[in-house]
Amino acid sequence: DKKGGNFSKPISINAGSATTRTLRVTELNDIFINLGLPADAAAQVDV
């Protein structure tokens, strides 16, 4: 969720029973964009 968003409208990734998940650049970028964060502007995301 956006920094300080309190996970009110989160993006979720189901990891199943695994205890690790690696995100590629394209996946993390999609998360930032889909949270409504503008391109080319520094931002923070809570996890």
ModelCIF file with pLDDT and N, C-alpha, C, O atoms, coordinates in Angstrom:
data_MODEL
#
_entry.id   MODEL 
#
_entity.id                         1 
_entity.type                       polymer 
_entity.pdbx_number_of_molecules   1 
#
_entity_poly.entity_id                      1 
_entity_poly.type                           'polypeptide(L)' 
_entity_poly.nstd_linkage                   no 
_entity_poly.nstd_monomer                   no 
_entity_poly.pdbx_seq_one_letter_code       DKKGGNFSKPISINAGSATTRTLRVTELNDIFINLGLPADAAAQVDV 
_entity_poly.pdbx_seq_one_letter_code_can   DKKGGNFSKPISINAGSATTRTLRVTELNDIFINLGLPADAAAQVDV 
_entity_poly.pdbx_strand_id                 A 
#
loop_
_entity_poly_seq.entity_id 
_entity_poly_seq.num 
_entity_poly_seq.mon_id 
_entity_poly_seq.hetero 
1 1  ASP n 
1 2  LYS n 
1 3  LYS n 
1 4  GLY n 
1 5  GLY n 
1 6  ASN n 
1 7  PHE n 
1 8  SER n 
1 9  LYS n 
1 10 PRO n 
1 11 ILE n 
1 12 SER n 
1 13 ILE n 
1 14 ASN n 
1 15 ALA n 
1 16 GLY n 
1 17 SER n 
1 18 ALA n 
1 19 THR n 
1 20 THR n 
1 21 ARG n 
1 22 THR n 
1 23 LEU n 
1 24 ARG n 
1 25 VAL n 
1 26 THR n 
1 27 GLU n 
1 28 LEU n 
1 29 ASN n 
1 30 ASP n 
1 31 ILE n 
1 32 PHE n 
1 33 ILE n 
1 34 ASN n 
1 35 LEU n 
1 36 GLY n 
1 37 LEU n 
1 38 PRO n 
1 39 ALA n 
1 40 ASP n 
1 41 ALA n 
1 42 ALA n 
1 43 ALA n 
1 44 GLN n 
1 45 VAL n 
1 46 ASP n 
1 47 VAL n 
#
_struct_asym.id          A 
_struct_asym.entity_id   1 
#
loop_
_ma_qa_metric.id 
_ma_qa_metric.mode 
_ma_qa_metric.name 
_ma_qa_metric.software_group_id 
_ma_qa_metric.type 
1 global pLDDT . pLDDT 
2 local  pLDDT . pLDDT 
#
_ma_qa_metric_global.metric_id      1 
_ma_qa_metric_global.metric_value   96.04 
_ma_qa_metric_global.model_id       1 
_ma_qa_metric_global.ordinal_id     1 
#
loop_
_ma_qa_metric_local.label_asym_id 
_ma_qa_metric_local.label_comp_id 
_ma_qa_metric_local.label_seq_id 
_ma_qa_metric_local.metric_id 
_ma_qa_metric_local.metric_value 
_ma_qa_metric_local.model_id 
_ma_qa_metric_local.ordinal_id 
A ASP 1  2 98.00 1 1  
A LYS 2  2 97.00 1 2  
A LYS 3  2 97.00 1 3  
A GLY 4  2 95.00 1 4  
A GLY 5  2 96.00 1 5  
A ASN 6  2 96.00 1 6  
A PHE 7  2 97.00 1 7  
A SER 8  2 95.00 1 8  
A LYS 9  2 93.00 1 9  
A PRO 10 2 96.00 1 10 
A ILE 11 2 97.00 1 11 
A SER 12 2 96.00 1 12 
A ILE 13 2 96.00 1 13 
A ASN 14 2 94.00 1 14 
A ALA 15 2 94.00 1 15 
A GLY 16 2 93.00 1 16 
A SER 17 2 95.00 1 17 
A ALA 18 2 96.00 1 18 
A THR 19 2 97.00 1 19 
A THR 20 2 97.00 1 20 
A ARG 21 2 97.00 1 21 
A THR 22 2 97.00 1 22 
A LEU 23 2 97.00 1 23 
A ARG 24 2 96.00 1 24 
A VAL 25 2 96.00 1 25 
A THR 26 2 94.00 1 26 
A GLU 27 2 96.00 1 27 
A LEU 28 2 98.00 1 28 
A ASN 29 2 96.00 1 29 
A ASP 30 2 95.00 1 30 
A ILE 31 2 97.00 1 31 
A PHE 32 2 97.00 1 32 
A ILE 33 2 95.00 1 33 
A ASN 34 2 95.00 1 34 
A LEU 35 2 97.00 1 35 
A GLY 36 2 95.00 1 36 
A LEU 37 2 96.00 1 37 
A PRO 38 2 95.00 1 38 
A ALA 39 2 93.00 1 39 
A ASP 40 2 93.00 1 40 
A ALA 41 2 96.00 1 41 
A ALA 42 2 98.00 1 42 
A ALA 43 2 98.00 1 43 
A GLN 44 2 98.00 1 44 
A VAL 45 2 98.00 1 45 
A ASP 46 2 98.00 1 46 
A VAL 47 2 98.00 1 47 
#
loop_
_atom_site.group_PDB 
_atom_site.id 
_atom_site.type_symbol 
_atom_site.label_atom_id 
_atom_site.label_alt_id 
_atom_site.label_comp_id 
_atom_site.label_asym_id 
_atom_site.label_entity_id 
_atom_site.label_seq_id 
_atom_site.pdbx_PDB_ins_code 
_atom_site.Cartn_x 
_atom_site.Cartn_y 
_atom_site.Cartn_z 
_atom_site.occupancy 
_atom_site.B_iso_or_equiv 
_atom_site.pdbx_formal_charge 
_atom_site.auth_seq_id 
_atom_site.auth_comp_id 
_atom_site.auth_asym_id 
_atom_site.auth_atom_id 
_atom_site.pdbx_PDB_model_num 
ATOM 1   N N  . ASP A 1 1  ? 0.854  -1.187  0.000   1.00 98.00 ? 1  ASP A N  1 
ATOM 2   C CA . ASP A 1 1  ? 0.000  0.000   0.000   1.00 98.00 ? 1  ASP A CA 1 
ATOM 3   C C  . ASP A 1 1  ? 0.890  1.238   0.000   1.00 98.00 ? 1  ASP A C  1 
ATOM 4   O O  . ASP A 1 1  ? 2.069  1.171   0.347   1.00 98.00 ? 1  ASP A O  1 
ATOM 5   N N  . LYS A 1 2  ? 0.308  2.363   -0.393  1.00 97.00 ? 2  LYS A N  1 
ATOM 6   C CA . LYS A 1 2  ? 1.049  3.610   -0.334  1.00 97.00 ? 2  LYS A CA 1 
ATOM 7   C C  . LYS A 1 2  ? 1.556  3.836   1.082   1.00 97.00 ? 2  LYS A C  1 
ATOM 8   O O  . LYS A 1 2  ? 0.924  3.396   2.042   1.00 97.00 ? 2  LYS A O  1 
ATOM 9   N N  . LYS A 1 3  ? 2.676  4.510   1.224   1.00 97.00 ? 3  LYS A N  1 
ATOM 10  C CA . LYS A 1 3  ? 3.220  4.824   2.540   1.00 97.00 ? 3  LYS A CA 1 
ATOM 11  C C  . LYS A 1 3  ? 2.158  5.520   3.373   1.00 97.00 ? 3  LYS A C  1 
ATOM 12  O O  . LYS A 1 3  ? 1.624  6.553   2.970   1.00 97.00 ? 3  LYS A O  1 
ATOM 13  N N  . GLY A 1 4  ? 1.846  4.949   4.551   1.00 95.00 ? 4  GLY A N  1 
ATOM 14  C CA . GLY A 1 4  ? 0.848  5.526   5.433   1.00 95.00 ? 4  GLY A CA 1 
ATOM 15  C C  . GLY A 1 4  ? -0.583 5.209   5.044   1.00 95.00 ? 4  GLY A C  1 
ATOM 16  O O  . GLY A 1 4  ? -1.513 5.740   5.652   1.00 95.00 ? 4  GLY A O  1 
ATOM 17  N N  . GLY A 1 5  ? -0.788 4.351   4.041   1.00 96.00 ? 5  GLY A N  1 
ATOM 18  C CA . GLY A 1 5  ? -2.144 4.020   3.590   1.00 96.00 ? 5  GLY A CA 1 
ATOM 19  C C  . GLY A 1 5  ? -2.876 3.056   4.490   1.00 96.00 ? 5  GLY A C  1 
ATOM 20  O O  . GLY A 1 5  ? -4.077 2.843   4.323   1.00 96.00 ? 5  GLY A O  1 
ATOM 21  N N  . ASN A 1 6  ? -2.169 2.460   5.453   1.00 96.00 ? 6  ASN A N  1 
ATOM 22  C CA . ASN A 1 6  ? -2.768 1.563   6.440   1.00 96.00 ? 6  ASN A CA 1 
ATOM 23  C C  . ASN A 1 6  ? -3.430 0.345   5.805   1.00 96.00 ? 6  ASN A C  1 
ATOM 24  O O  . ASN A 1 6  ? -4.308 -0.276  6.405   1.00 96.00 ? 6  ASN A O  1 
ATOM 25  N N  . PHE A 1 7  ? -3.001 0.005   4.575   1.00 97.00 ? 7  PHE A N  1 
ATOM 26  C CA . PHE A 1 7  ? -3.493 -1.178  3.879   1.00 97.00 ? 7  PHE A CA 1 
ATOM 27  C C  . PHE A 1 7  ? -5.020 -1.178  3.724   1.00 97.00 ? 7  PHE A C  1 
ATOM 28  O O  . PHE A 1 7  ? -5.674 -2.220  3.780   1.00 97.00 ? 7  PHE A O  1 
ATOM 29  N N  . SER A 1 8  ? -5.556 0.023   3.528   1.00 95.00 ? 8  SER A N  1 
ATOM 30  C CA . SER A 1 8  ? -7.001 0.139   3.323   1.00 95.00 ? 8  SER A CA 1 
ATOM 31  C C  . SER A 1 8  ? -7.404 -0.300  1.922   1.00 95.00 ? 8  SER A C  1 
ATOM 32  O O  . SER A 1 8  ? -8.502 -0.819  1.722   1.00 95.00 ? 8  SER A O  1 
ATOM 33  N N  . LYS A 1 9  ? -6.501 -0.088  0.936   1.00 93.00 ? 9  LYS A N  1 
ATOM 34  C CA . LYS A 1 9  ? -6.743 -0.536  -0.443  1.00 93.00 ? 9  LYS A CA 1 
ATOM 35  C C  . LYS A 1 9  ? -5.453 -1.173  -0.975  1.00 93.00 ? 9  LYS A C  1 
ATOM 36  O O  . LYS A 1 9  ? -4.813 -0.626  -1.873  1.00 93.00 ? 9  LYS A O  1 
ATOM 37  N N  . PRO A 1 10 ? -5.079 -2.318  -0.423  1.00 96.00 ? 10 PRO A N  1 
ATOM 38  C CA . PRO A 1 10 ? -3.775 -2.887  -0.773  1.00 96.00 ? 10 PRO A CA 1 
ATOM 39  C C  . PRO A 1 10 ? -3.786 -3.657  -2.089  1.00 96.00 ? 10 PRO A C  1 
ATOM 40  O O  . PRO A 1 10 ? -4.838 -4.061  -2.584  1.00 96.00 ? 10 PRO A O  1 
ATOM 41  N N  . ILE A 1 11 ? -2.611 -3.847  -2.634  1.00 97.00 ? 11 ILE A N  1 
ATOM 42  C CA . ILE A 1 11 ? -2.396 -4.819  -3.707  1.00 97.00 ? 11 ILE A CA 1 
ATOM 43  C C  . ILE A 1 11 ? -1.825 -6.062  -3.049  1.00 97.00 ? 11 ILE A C  1 
ATOM 44  O O  . ILE A 1 11 ? -0.852 -5.980  -2.299  1.00 97.00 ? 11 ILE A O  1 
ATOM 45  N N  . SER A 1 12 ? -2.426 -7.218  -3.329  1.00 96.00 ? 12 SER A N  1 
ATOM 46  C CA . SER A 1 12 ? -2.042 -8.451  -2.647  1.00 96.00 ? 12 SER A CA 1 
ATOM 47  C C  . SER A 1 12 ? -1.447 -9.456  -3.622  1.00 96.00 ? 12 SER A C  1 
ATOM 48  O O  . SER A 1 12 ? -1.891 -9.575  -4.764  1.00 96.00 ? 12 SER A O  1 
ATOM 49  N N  . ILE A 1 13 ? -0.434 -10.176 -3.152  1.00 96.00 ? 13 ILE A N  1 
ATOM 50  C CA . ILE A 1 13 ? 0.181  -11.261 -3.917  1.00 96.00 ? 13 ILE A CA 1 
ATOM 51  C C  . ILE A 1 13 ? 0.133  -12.517 -3.064  1.00 96.00 ? 13 ILE A C  1 
ATOM 52  O O  . ILE A 1 13 ? 0.726  -12.565 -1.987  1.00 96.00 ? 13 ILE A O  1 
ATOM 53  N N  . ASN A 1 14 ? -0.567 -13.528 -3.541  1.00 94.00 ? 14 ASN A N  1 
ATOM 54  C CA . ASN A 1 14 ? -0.697 -14.776 -2.808  1.00 94.00 ? 14 ASN A CA 1 
ATOM 55  C C  . ASN A 1 14 ? 0.593  -15.583 -2.955  1.00 94.00 ? 14 ASN A C  1 
ATOM 56  O O  . ASN A 1 14 ? 0.999  -15.919 -4.068  1.00 94.00 ? 14 ASN A O  1 
ATOM 57  N N  . ALA A 1 15 ? 1.226  -15.888 -1.835  1.00 94.00 ? 15 ALA A N  1 
ATOM 58  C CA . ALA A 1 15 ? 2.483  -16.653 -1.850  1.00 94.00 ? 15 ALA A CA 1 
ATOM 59  C C  . ALA A 1 15 ? 2.269  -18.113 -1.510  1.00 94.00 ? 15 ALA A C  1 
ATOM 60  O O  . ALA A 1 15 ? 3.229  -18.883 -1.491  1.00 94.00 ? 15 ALA A O  1 
ATOM 61  N N  . GLY A 1 16 ? 1.026  -18.518 -1.237  1.00 93.00 ? 16 GLY A N  1 
ATOM 62  C CA . GLY A 1 16 ? 0.744  -19.900 -0.877  1.00 93.00 ? 16 GLY A CA 1 
ATOM 63  C C  . GLY A 1 16 ? 1.412  -20.269 0.435   1.00 93.00 ? 16 GLY A C  1 
ATOM 64  O O  . GLY A 1 16 ? 1.345  -19.514 1.405   1.00 93.00 ? 16 GLY A O  1 
ATOM 65  N N  . SER A 1 17 ? 2.055  -21.426 0.469   1.00 95.00 ? 17 SER A N  1 
ATOM 66  C CA . SER A 1 17 ? 2.724  -21.879 1.699   1.00 95.00 ? 17 SER A CA 1 
ATOM 67  C C  . SER A 1 17 ? 4.195  -21.475 1.732   1.00 95.00 ? 17 SER A C  1 
ATOM 68  O O  . SER A 1 17 ? 4.899  -21.766 2.699   1.00 95.00 ? 17 SER A O  1 
ATOM 69  N N  . ALA A 1 18 ? 4.663  -20.803 0.675   1.00 96.00 ? 18 ALA A N  1 
ATOM 70  C CA . ALA A 1 18 ? 6.073  -20.406 0.603   1.00 96.00 ? 18 ALA A CA 1 
ATOM 71  C C  . ALA A 1 18 ? 6.393  -19.358 1.659   1.00 96.00 ? 18 ALA A C  1 
ATOM 72  O O  . ALA A 1 18 ? 5.506  -18.651 2.137   1.00 96.00 ? 18 ALA A O  1 
ATOM 73  N N  . THR A 1 19 ? 7.662  -19.265 2.014   1.00 97.00 ? 19 THR A N  1 
ATOM 74  C CA . THR A 1 19 ? 8.096  -18.249 2.978   1.00 97.00 ? 19 THR A CA 1 
ATOM 75  C C  . THR A 1 19 ? 9.107  -17.288 2.349   1.00 97.00 ? 19 THR A C  1 
ATOM 76  O O  . THR A 1 19 ? 9.912  -16.672 3.047   1.00 97.00 ? 19 THR A O  1 
ATOM 77  N N  . THR A 1 20 ? 9.051  -17.170 1.018   1.00 97.00 ? 20 THR A N  1 
ATOM 78  C CA . THR A 1 20 ? 9.891  -16.218 0.307   1.00 97.00 ? 20 THR A CA 1 
ATOM 79  C C  . THR A 1 20 ? 9.231  -15.846 -1.011  1.00 97.00 ? 20 THR A C  1 
ATOM 80  O O  . THR A 1 20 ? 8.515  -16.655 -1.602  1.00 97.00 ? 20 THR A O  1 
ATOM 81  N N  . ARG A 1 21 ? 9.470  -14.625 -1.470  1.00 97.00 ? 21 ARG A N  1 
ATOM 82  C CA . ARG A 1 21 ? 8.940  -14.179 -2.770  1.00 97.00 ? 21 ARG A CA 1 
ATOM 83  C C  . ARG A 1 21 ? 9.865  -13.102 -3.321  1.00 97.00 ? 21 ARG A C  1 
ATOM 84  O O  . ARG A 1 21 ? 10.104 -12.087 -2.667  1.00 97.00 ? 21 ARG A O  1 
ATOM 85  N N  . THR A 1 22 ? 10.385 -13.326 -4.528  1.00 97.00 ? 22 THR A N  1 
ATOM 86  C CA . THR A 1 22 ? 11.245 -12.347 -5.194  1.00 97.00 ? 22 THR A CA 1 
ATOM 87  C C  . THR A 1 22 ? 10.436 -11.614 -6.245  1.00 97.00 ? 22 THR A C  1 
ATOM 88  O O  . THR A 1 22 ? 9.760  -12.239 -7.062  1.00 97.00 ? 22 THR A O  1 
ATOM 89  N N  . LEU A 1 23 ? 10.502 -10.286 -6.230  1.00 97.00 ? 23 LEU A N  1 
ATOM 90  C CA . LEU A 1 23 ? 9.797  -9.463  -7.205  1.00 97.00 ? 23 LEU A CA 1 
ATOM 91  C C  . LEU A 1 23 ? 10.772 -8.966  -8.256  1.00 97.00 ? 23 LEU A C  1 
ATOM 92  O O  . LEU A 1 23 ? 11.832 -8.435  -7.923  1.00 97.00 ? 23 LEU A O  1 
ATOM 93  N N  . ARG A 1 24 ? 10.418 -9.135  -9.526  1.00 96.00 ? 24 ARG A N  1 
ATOM 94  C CA . ARG A 1 24 ? 11.214 -8.567  -10.603 1.00 96.00 ? 24 ARG A CA 1 
ATOM 95  C C  . ARG A 1 24 ? 10.922 -7.070  -10.716 1.00 96.00 ? 24 ARG A C  1 
ATOM 96  O O  . ARG A 1 24 ? 9.936  -6.579  -10.165 1.00 96.00 ? 24 ARG A O  1 
ATOM 97  N N  . VAL A 1 25 ? 11.770 -6.363  -11.421 1.00 96.00 ? 25 VAL A N  1 
ATOM 98  C CA . VAL A 1 25 ? 11.610 -4.911  -11.588 1.00 96.00 ? 25 VAL A CA 1 
ATOM 99  C C  . VAL A 1 25 ? 10.236 -4.590  -12.159 1.00 96.00 ? 25 VAL A C  1 
ATOM 100 O O  . VAL A 1 25 ? 9.557  -3.685  -11.675 1.00 96.00 ? 25 VAL A O  1 
ATOM 101 N N  . THR A 1 26 ? 9.822  -5.330  -13.188 1.00 94.00 ? 26 THR A N  1 
ATOM 102 C CA . THR A 1 26 ? 8.529  -5.044  -13.810 1.00 94.00 ? 26 THR A CA 1 
ATOM 103 C C  . THR A 1 26 ? 7.367  -5.261  -12.844 1.00 94.00 ? 26 THR A C  1 
ATOM 104 O O  . THR A 1 26 ? 6.378  -4.530  -12.901 1.00 94.00 ? 26 THR A O  1 
ATOM 105 N N  . GLU A 1 27 ? 7.472  -6.261  -11.949 1.00 96.00 ? 27 GLU A N  1 
ATOM 106 C CA . GLU A 1 27 ? 6.402  -6.520  -10.986 1.00 96.00 ? 27 GLU A CA 1 
ATOM 107 C C  . GLU A 1 27 ? 6.315  -5.403  -9.949  1.00 96.00 ? 27 GLU A C  1 
ATOM 108 O O  . GLU A 1 27 ? 5.227  -4.927  -9.625  1.00 96.00 ? 27 GLU A O  1 
ATOM 109 N N  . LEU A 1 28 ? 7.476  -4.990  -9.432  1.00 98.00 ? 28 LEU A N  1 
ATOM 110 C CA . LEU A 1 28 ? 7.471  -3.930  -8.428  1.00 98.00 ? 28 LEU A CA 1 
ATOM 111 C C  . LEU A 1 28 ? 7.010  -2.617  -9.052  1.00 98.00 ? 28 LEU A C  1 
ATOM 112 O O  . LEU A 1 28 ? 6.279  -1.852  -8.424  1.00 98.00 ? 28 LEU A O  1 
ATOM 113 N N  . ASN A 1 29 ? 7.435  -2.359  -10.280 1.00 96.00 ? 29 ASN A N  1 
ATOM 114 C CA . ASN A 1 29 ? 7.010  -1.136  -10.961 1.00 96.00 ? 29 ASN A CA 1 
ATOM 115 C C  . ASN A 1 29 ? 5.489  -1.119  -11.138 1.00 96.00 ? 29 ASN A C  1 
ATOM 116 O O  . ASN A 1 29 ? 4.847  -0.090  -10.927 1.00 96.00 ? 29 ASN A O  1 
ATOM 117 N N  . ASP A 1 30 ? 4.915  -2.267  -11.527 1.00 95.00 ? 30 ASP A N  1 
ATOM 118 C CA . ASP A 1 30 ? 3.457  -2.355  -11.683 1.00 95.00 ? 30 ASP A CA 1 
ATOM 119 C C  . ASP A 1 30 ? 2.741  -2.066  -10.369 1.00 95.00 ? 30 ASP A C  1 
ATOM 120 O O  . ASP A 1 30 ? 1.681  -1.440  -10.360 1.00 95.00 ? 30 ASP A O  1 
ATOM 121 N N  . ILE A 1 31 ? 3.320  -2.521  -9.259  1.00 97.00 ? 31 ILE A N  1 
ATOM 122 C CA . ILE A 1 31 ? 2.703  -2.270  -7.948  1.00 97.00 ? 31 ILE A CA 1 
ATOM 123 C C  . ILE A 1 31 ? 2.655  -0.773  -7.673  1.00 97.00 ? 31 ILE A C  1 
ATOM 124 O O  . ILE A 1 31 ? 1.616  -0.251  -7.268  1.00 97.00 ? 31 ILE A O  1 
ATOM 125 N N  . PHE A 1 32 ? 3.769  -0.077  -7.890  1.00 97.00 ? 32 PHE A N  1 
ATOM 126 C CA . PHE A 1 32 ? 3.813  1.371   -7.669  1.00 97.00 ? 32 PHE A CA 1 
ATOM 127 C C  . PHE A 1 32 ? 2.786  2.078   -8.553  1.00 97.00 ? 32 PHE A C  1 
ATOM 128 O O  . PHE A 1 32 ? 2.024  2.916   -8.070  1.00 97.00 ? 32 PHE A O  1 
ATOM 129 N N  . ILE A 1 33 ? 2.763  1.742   -9.852  1.00 95.00 ? 33 ILE A N  1 
ATOM 130 C CA . ILE A 1 33 ? 1.856  2.398   -10.792 1.00 95.00 ? 33 ILE A CA 1 
ATOM 131 C C  . ILE A 1 33 ? 0.396  2.092   -10.449 1.00 95.00 ? 33 ILE A C  1 
ATOM 132 O O  . ILE A 1 33 ? -0.445 2.991   -10.471 1.00 95.00 ? 33 ILE A O  1 
ATOM 133 N N  . ASN A 1 34 ? 0.086  0.824   -10.130 1.00 95.00 ? 34 ASN A N  1 
ATOM 134 C CA . ASN A 1 34 ? -1.292 0.433   -9.832  1.00 95.00 ? 34 ASN A CA 1 
ATOM 135 C C  . ASN A 1 34 ? -1.793 0.982   -8.507  1.00 95.00 ? 34 ASN A C  1 
ATOM 136 O O  . ASN A 1 34 ? -2.999 1.014   -8.262  1.00 95.00 ? 34 ASN A O  1 
ATOM 137 N N  . LEU A 1 35 ? -0.876 1.413   -7.650  1.00 97.00 ? 35 LEU A N  1 
ATOM 138 C CA . LEU A 1 35 ? -1.282 2.095   -6.418  1.00 97.00 ? 35 LEU A CA 1 
ATOM 139 C C  . LEU A 1 35 ? -1.567 3.578   -6.675  1.00 97.00 ? 35 LEU A C  1 
ATOM 140 O O  . LEU A 1 35 ? -1.918 4.317   -5.755  1.00 97.00 ? 35 LEU A O  1 
ATOM 141 N N  . GLY A 1 36 ? -1.415 4.004   -7.931  1.00 95.00 ? 36 GLY A N  1 
ATOM 142 C CA . GLY A 1 36 ? -1.691 5.391   -8.290  1.00 95.00 ? 36 GLY A CA 1 
ATOM 143 C C  . GLY A 1 36 ? -0.527 6.330   -8.097  1.00 95.00 ? 36 GLY A C  1 
ATOM 144 O O  . GLY A 1 36 ? -0.702 7.548   -8.113  1.00 95.00 ? 36 GLY A O  1 
ATOM 145 N N  . LEU A 1 37 ? 0.676  5.777   -7.912  1.00 96.00 ? 37 LEU A N  1 
ATOM 146 C CA . LEU A 1 37 ? 1.861  6.613   -7.740  1.00 96.00 ? 37 LEU A CA 1 
ATOM 147 C C  . LEU A 1 37 ? 2.381  7.032   -9.117  1.00 96.00 ? 37 LEU A C  1 
ATOM 148 O O  . LEU A 1 37 ? 2.507  6.184   -10.000 1.00 96.00 ? 37 LEU A O  1 
ATOM 149 N N  . PRO A 1 38 ? 2.682  8.305   -9.319  1.00 95.00 ? 38 PRO A N  1 
ATOM 150 C CA . PRO A 1 38 ? 3.056  8.791   -10.657 1.00 95.00 ? 38 PRO A CA 1 
ATOM 151 C C  . PRO A 1 38 ? 4.434  8.316   -11.095 1.00 95.00 ? 38 PRO A C  1 
ATOM 152 O O  . PRO A 1 38 ? 5.336  8.142   -10.276 1.00 95.00 ? 38 PRO A O  1 
ATOM 153 N N  . ALA A 1 39 ? 4.583  8.109   -12.409 1.00 93.00 ? 39 ALA A N  1 
ATOM 154 C CA . ALA A 1 39 ? 5.880  7.737   -12.971 1.00 93.00 ? 39 ALA A CA 1 
ATOM 155 C C  . ALA A 1 39 ? 6.856  8.891   -12.830 1.00 93.00 ? 39 ALA A C  1 
ATOM 156 O O  . ALA A 1 39 ? 6.466  10.058  -12.829 1.00 93.00 ? 39 ALA A O  1 
ATOM 157 N N  . ASP A 1 40 ? 8.130  8.546   -12.712 1.00 93.00 ? 40 ASP A N  1 
ATOM 158 C CA . ASP A 1 40 ? 9.233  9.511   -12.649 1.00 93.00 ? 40 ASP A CA 1 
ATOM 159 C C  . ASP A 1 40 ? 9.220  10.377  -11.388 1.00 93.00 ? 40 ASP A C  1 
ATOM 160 O O  . ASP A 1 40 ? 9.837  11.441  -11.357 1.00 93.00 ? 40 ASP A O  1 
ATOM 161 N N  . ALA A 1 41 ? 8.515  9.918   -10.351 1.00 96.00 ? 41 ALA A N  1 
ATOM 162 C CA . ALA A 1 41 ? 8.498  10.636  -9.073  1.00 96.00 ? 41 ALA A CA 1 
ATOM 163 C C  . ALA A 1 41 ? 8.828  9.649   -7.955  1.00 96.00 ? 41 ALA A C  1 
ATOM 164 O O  . ALA A 1 41 ? 8.214  8.587   -7.857  1.00 96.00 ? 41 ALA A O  1 
ATOM 165 N N  . ALA A 1 42 ? 9.793  10.003  -7.119  1.00 98.00 ? 42 ALA A N  1 
ATOM 166 C CA . ALA A 1 42 ? 10.186 9.126   -6.015  1.00 98.00 ? 42 ALA A CA 1 
ATOM 167 C C  . ALA A 1 42 ? 9.011  8.900   -5.073  1.00 98.00 ? 42 ALA A C  1 
ATOM 168 O O  . ALA A 1 42 ? 8.267  9.830   -4.761  1.00 98.00 ? 42 ALA A O  1 
ATOM 169 N N  . ALA A 1 43 ? 8.850  7.667   -4.625  1.00 98.00 ? 43 ALA A N  1 
ATOM 170 C CA . ALA A 1 43 ? 7.722  7.331   -3.750  1.00 98.00 ? 43 ALA A CA 1 
ATOM 171 C C  . ALA A 1 43 ? 8.112  6.183   -2.831  1.00 98.00 ? 43 ALA A C  1 
ATOM 172 O O  . ALA A 1 43 ? 9.136  5.530   -3.033  1.00 98.00 ? 43 ALA A O  1 
ATOM 173 N N  . GLN A 1 44 ? 7.281  5.943   -1.813  1.00 98.00 ? 44 GLN A N  1 
ATOM 174 C CA . GLN A 1 44 ? 7.506  4.851   -0.877  1.00 98.00 ? 44 GLN A CA 1 
ATOM 175 C C  . GLN A 1 44 ? 6.248  4.001   -0.780  1.00 98.00 ? 44 GLN A C  1 
ATOM 176 O O  . GLN A 1 44 ? 5.128  4.502   -0.876  1.00 98.00 ? 44 GLN A O  1 
ATOM 177 N N  . VAL A 1 45 ? 6.461  2.698   -0.586  1.00 98.00 ? 45 VAL A N  1 
ATOM 178 C CA . VAL A 1 45 ? 5.356  1.749   -0.467  1.00 98.00 ? 45 VAL A CA 1 
ATOM 179 C C  . VAL A 1 45 ? 5.568  0.902   0.785   1.00 98.00 ? 45 VAL A C  1 
ATOM 180 O O  . VAL A 1 45 ? 6.668  0.408   1.032   1.00 98.00 ? 45 VAL A O  1 
ATOM 181 N N  . ASP A 1 46 ? 4.507  0.742   1.569   1.00 98.00 ? 46 ASP A N  1 
ATOM 182 C CA . ASP A 1 46 ? 4.551  -0.119  2.752   1.00 98.00 ? 46 ASP A CA 1 
ATOM 183 C C  . ASP A 1 46 ? 4.259  -1.565  2.345   1.00 98.00 ? 46 ASP A C  1 
ATOM 184 O O  . ASP A 1 46 ? 3.456  -1.826  1.450   1.00 98.00 ? 46 ASP A O  1 
ATOM 185 N N  . VAL A 1 47 ? 4.932  -2.499  3.028   1.00 98.00 ? 47 VAL A N  1 
ATOM 186 C CA . VAL A 1 47 ? 4.794  -3.922  2.711   1.00 98.00 ? 47 VAL A CA 1 
ATOM 187 C C  . VAL A 1 47 ? 4.612  -4.698  4.014   1.00 98.00 ? 47 VAL A C  1 
ATOM 188 O O  . VAL A 1 47 ? 4.476  -5.921  3.991   1.00 98.00 ? 47 VAL A O  1 
#
